[in-house]
């Protein structure tokens, strides 16, 4: 059982790394060019874009990764 959890943990780590690397960087100069207003069409509908979905996926994977880390560190499996 511990072997299966460890394998899932390693796959999860690889997927989380890939998802983080696939995200685009945020340039602080973009806010200055666009006026810095958060009331734009794109900011209101950000959750429906690829970037918004990637951010949600990153959050979910990070929480699951943390849970697996705790489970593996507590030695539930013998």
Protein backbone atom coordinates (compact mmCIF):
# COMPACT_ATOMS: atom_id res chain seq x y z
CA UNK A 1 0.00 0.00 0.00
CA UNK A 2 2.80 2.40 0.84
CA UNK A 3 4.39 1.70 -2.53
CA UNK A 4 1.18 2.65 -4.34
CA UNK A 5 0.85 5.88 -2.35
CA UNK A 6 4.49 6.72 -3.03
CA UNK A 7 4.06 6.16 -6.76
CA UNK A 8 0.95 8.37 -6.82
CA UNK A 9 2.90 10.98 -4.84
CA UNK A 10 5.75 10.99 -7.37
CA UNK A 11 3.36 11.24 -10.33
CA UNK A 12 1.54 14.07 -8.56
CA UNK A 13 4.85 15.87 -8.03
CA UNK A 14 5.70 15.58 -11.74
CA UNK A 15 2.24 16.79 -12.82
CA UNK A 16 2.34 19.72 -10.38
CA UNK A 17 5.77 20.71 -11.68
CA UNK A 18 4.56 20.56 -15.29
CA UNK A 19 1.44 22.62 -14.53
CA UNK A 20 3.48 25.30 -12.79
CA UNK A 21 5.98 25.47 -15.65
CA UNK A 22 3.19 25.74 -18.25
CA UNK A 23 1.79 28.90 -16.66
CA UNK A 24 2.67 32.27 -18.07
CA UNK A 25 4.62 34.71 -15.97
CA UNK A 26 2.99 37.87 -14.72
CA UNK A 27 4.69 41.02 -15.87
CA UNK A 28 4.26 43.92 -13.45
CA UNK A 29 4.56 46.36 -16.35
CA UNK A 30 1.26 45.11 -17.83
CA UNK A 31 -0.73 46.79 -15.06
CA UNK A 32 0.99 50.10 -15.72
CA UNK A 33 0.32 49.91 -19.46
CA UNK A 34 -3.33 48.93 -19.05
CA UNK A 35 -4.00 51.54 -16.41
CA UNK A 36 -3.92 49.18 -13.44
CA UNK A 37 -7.69 48.84 -13.38
CA UNK A 38 -9.03 45.49 -12.21
CA UNK A 39 -12.48 46.21 -13.67
CA UNK A 40 -11.81 44.97 -17.18
CA UNK A 41 -13.63 42.34 -19.20
CA UNK A 42 -10.65 40.00 -18.96
CA UNK A 43 -10.31 40.29 -15.20
CA UNK A 44 -14.01 39.56 -14.66
CA UNK A 45 -13.93 36.46 -16.88
CA UNK A 46 -10.48 35.23 -15.95
CA UNK A 47 -11.78 32.03 -14.34
CA UNK A 48 -13.06 30.84 -17.73
CA UNK A 49 -9.75 31.29 -19.52
CA UNK A 50 -6.91 28.79 -19.82
CA UNK A 51 -4.86 30.86 -17.39
CA UNK A 52 -7.63 30.84 -14.79
CA UNK A 53 -8.10 27.09 -15.12
CA UNK A 54 -4.36 26.53 -14.74
CA UNK A 55 -4.34 28.58 -11.53
CA UNK A 56 -7.22 26.54 -10.11
CA UNK A 57 -5.54 23.29 -11.14
CA UNK A 58 -2.31 24.41 -9.50
CA UNK A 59 -4.13 25.18 -6.25
CA UNK A 60 -5.94 21.84 -6.19
CA UNK A 61 -2.79 19.87 -7.02
CA UNK A 62 -0.81 21.73 -4.36
CA UNK A 63 -3.39 20.89 -1.68
CA UNK A 64 -3.48 17.23 -2.72
CA UNK A 65 0.34 17.15 -2.79
CA UNK A 66 0.43 18.58 0.74
CA UNK A 67 -2.06 15.96 1.97
CA UNK A 68 -0.02 13.16 0.43
CA UNK A 69 3.12 14.61 2.04
CA UNK A 70 1.49 14.54 5.47
CA UNK A 71 0.15 11.02 4.97
CA UNK A 72 3.55 9.71 3.92
CA UNK A 73 5.37 11.47 6.75
CA UNK A 74 3.03 10.13 9.47
CA UNK A 75 3.89 6.52 8.58
CA UNK A 76 0.36 5.17 8.41
CA UNK A 77 1.65 2.27 6.35
CA UNK A 78 3.92 -0.42 7.76
